[in-house]
């Protein structure tokens, strides 16, 4: 893992609002706990972004100022360890699992309100 401690990510980062970057895409992870059902809801969103020095990301907007994002993964379970196990195995990173790209993926922070526009269109 680039710019991050793998052990910390596996301990808490994967579940608590972490952002990973790989090949021009940001991957936002977050979870919510429902006390009524006892289940956790884990999900991953992705959108196009640029990487600044393997430390920050900048969201890339379309020419019209819109953002193309999608929820690419979600899981519900009472057992958080099972959610983690499935997340690490699912092929959501360029059709590869987390373990297949772990050495290429960067754990980044938001660089703030600076956005880049897609000039390729």
Protein backbone atom coordinates (compact mmCIF):
# COMPACT_ATOMS: atom_id res chain seq x y z
CA UNK A 1 0.00 0.00 0.00
CA UNK A 2 1.37 3.37 -1.05
CA UNK A 3 1.32 6.21 1.49
CA UNK A 4 -0.41 4.19 4.15
CA UNK A 5 0.13 1.53 6.72
CA UNK A 6 -1.44 -1.73 5.57
CA UNK A 7 -2.00 -2.93 9.13
CA UNK A 8 -3.84 0.27 10.10
CA UNK A 9 -5.92 0.09 6.92
CA UNK A 10 -6.87 -3.53 7.63
CA UNK A 11 -7.61 -2.72 11.26
CA UNK A 12 -9.87 0.30 10.86
CA UNK A 13 -9.27 2.20 7.61
CA UNK A 14 -11.17 -0.13 5.30
CA UNK A 15 -14.36 0.48 7.34
CA UNK A 16 -14.11 4.14 8.31
CA UNK A 17 -14.22 6.65 5.49
CA UNK A 18 -10.97 5.76 3.74
CA UNK A 19 -10.17 6.78 0.20
CA UNK A 20 -7.99 4.64 -2.03
CA UNK A 21 -6.63 5.60 -5.45
CA UNK A 22 -5.76 3.32 -8.34
CA UNK A 23 -5.29 4.03 -12.05
CA UNK A 24 -7.19 7.31 -12.23
CA UNK A 25 -10.03 6.34 -9.91
CA UNK A 26 -10.88 7.23 -6.32
CA UNK A 27 -12.51 4.52 -4.17
CA UNK A 28 -14.36 5.82 -1.10
CA UNK A 29 -15.17 3.28 1.65
CA UNK A 30 -17.65 3.90 4.39
CA UNK A 31 -19.85 1.95 6.76
CA UNK A 32 -22.93 2.62 8.82
CA UNK A 33 -24.25 0.63 11.74
CA UNK A 34 -27.99 0.07 12.22
CA UNK A 35 -28.69 -0.51 15.94
CA UNK A 36 -32.21 -1.74 15.19
CA UNK A 37 -31.03 -4.67 13.04
CA UNK A 38 -27.53 -5.03 14.46
CA UNK A 39 -26.18 -5.00 10.92
CA UNK A 40 -23.42 -2.96 9.41
CA UNK A 41 -23.84 -1.57 5.91
CA UNK A 42 -20.52 -1.23 4.07
CA UNK A 43 -20.24 0.42 0.66
CA UNK A 44 -17.69 1.63 -1.87
CA UNK A 45 -18.15 4.53 -4.31
CA UNK A 46 -15.82 5.31 -7.20
CA UNK A 47 -15.20 8.28 -9.51
CA UNK A 48 -12.44 9.64 -11.72
CA UNK A 49 -9.68 11.49 -9.90
CA UNK A 50 -6.06 12.51 -10.14
CA UNK A 51 -3.33 11.69 -7.67
CA UNK A 52 -1.05 14.36 -6.21
CA UNK A 53 2.27 12.94 -4.98
CA UNK A 54 0.57 9.80 -3.64
CA UNK A 55 -0.81 11.94 -0.81
CA UNK A 56 -3.90 13.78 -2.07
CA UNK A 57 -6.53 13.35 -4.75
CA UNK A 58 -8.45 15.80 -6.89
CA UNK A 59 -11.87 14.88 -8.23
CA UNK A 60 -12.19 15.16 -12.00
CA UNK A 61 -15.44 16.77 -13.10
CA UNK A 62 -17.00 16.62 -16.53
CA UNK A 63 -16.95 19.72 -18.74
CA UNK A 64 -20.44 20.60 -17.50
CA UNK A 65 -19.34 20.45 -13.85
CA UNK A 66 -21.06 17.14 -13.07
CA UNK A 67 -19.43 14.18 -11.40
CA UNK A 68 -19.64 10.63 -12.71
CA UNK A 69 -19.65 8.43 -9.61
CA UNK A 70 -21.16 5.08 -8.83
CA UNK A 71 -21.65 2.71 -5.93
CA UNK A 72 -19.69 -0.33 -7.04
CA UNK A 73 -19.99 -2.48 -3.95
CA UNK A 74 -22.11 -2.86 -0.86
CA UNK A 75 -22.53 -5.49 1.80
CA UNK A 76 -24.72 -5.99 4.87
CA UNK A 77 -23.96 -8.28 7.77
CA UNK A 78 -23.99 -8.56 11.55
CA UNK A 79 -20.46 -9.97 11.40
CA UNK A 80 -18.01 -7.18 10.45
CA UNK A 81 -15.21 -9.72 9.94
CA UNK A 82 -17.23 -11.37 7.15
CA UNK A 83 -17.85 -7.99 5.50
CA UNK A 84 -14.10 -7.32 5.61
CA UNK A 85 -13.24 -10.76 4.21
CA UNK A 86 -15.66 -10.33 1.30
CA UNK A 87 -14.45 -6.77 0.59
CA UNK A 88 -10.83 -7.90 0.37
CA UNK A 89 -11.81 -10.63 -2.11
CA UNK A 90 -14.30 -8.83 -4.37
CA UNK A 91 -12.84 -7.70 -7.73
CA UNK A 92 -13.77 -4.01 -7.76
CA UNK A 93 -10.33 -2.53 -8.47
CA UNK A 94 -9.91 -2.79 -12.26
CA UNK A 95 -11.51 -6.24 -12.00
CA UNK A 96 -8.96 -7.28 -9.40
CA UNK A 97 -9.25 -7.87 -5.66
CA UNK A 98 -7.67 -5.65 -3.03
CA UNK A 99 -4.92 -8.21 -2.52
CA UNK A 100 -4.13 -8.28 -6.24
CA UNK A 101 -3.52 -4.49 -6.30
CA UNK A 102 -2.43 -3.87 -2.72
CA UNK A 103 1.10 -2.81 -3.72
CA UNK A 104 -0.24 -0.38 -6.38
CA UNK A 105 -3.05 1.24 -4.43
CA UNK A 106 -2.54 4.56 -2.62
CA UNK A 107 -4.35 5.63 0.54
CA UNK A 108 -4.99 9.35 0.00
CA UNK A 109 -6.50 12.41 1.64
CA UNK A 110 -8.83 14.90 0.01
CA UNK A 111 -6.83 17.86 -1.31
CA UNK A 112 -9.71 20.21 -0.60
CA UNK A 113 -12.04 22.12 -2.89
CA UNK A 114 -9.70 22.11 -5.92
CA UNK A 115 -11.35 20.22 -8.75
CA UNK A 116 -10.03 19.47 -12.18
CA UNK A 117 -12.20 19.49 -15.24
CA UNK A 118 -12.01 16.74 -17.80
CA UNK A 119 -10.39 18.41 -20.78
CA UNK A 120 -10.27 15.23 -22.86
CA UNK A 121 -13.91 15.54 -23.98
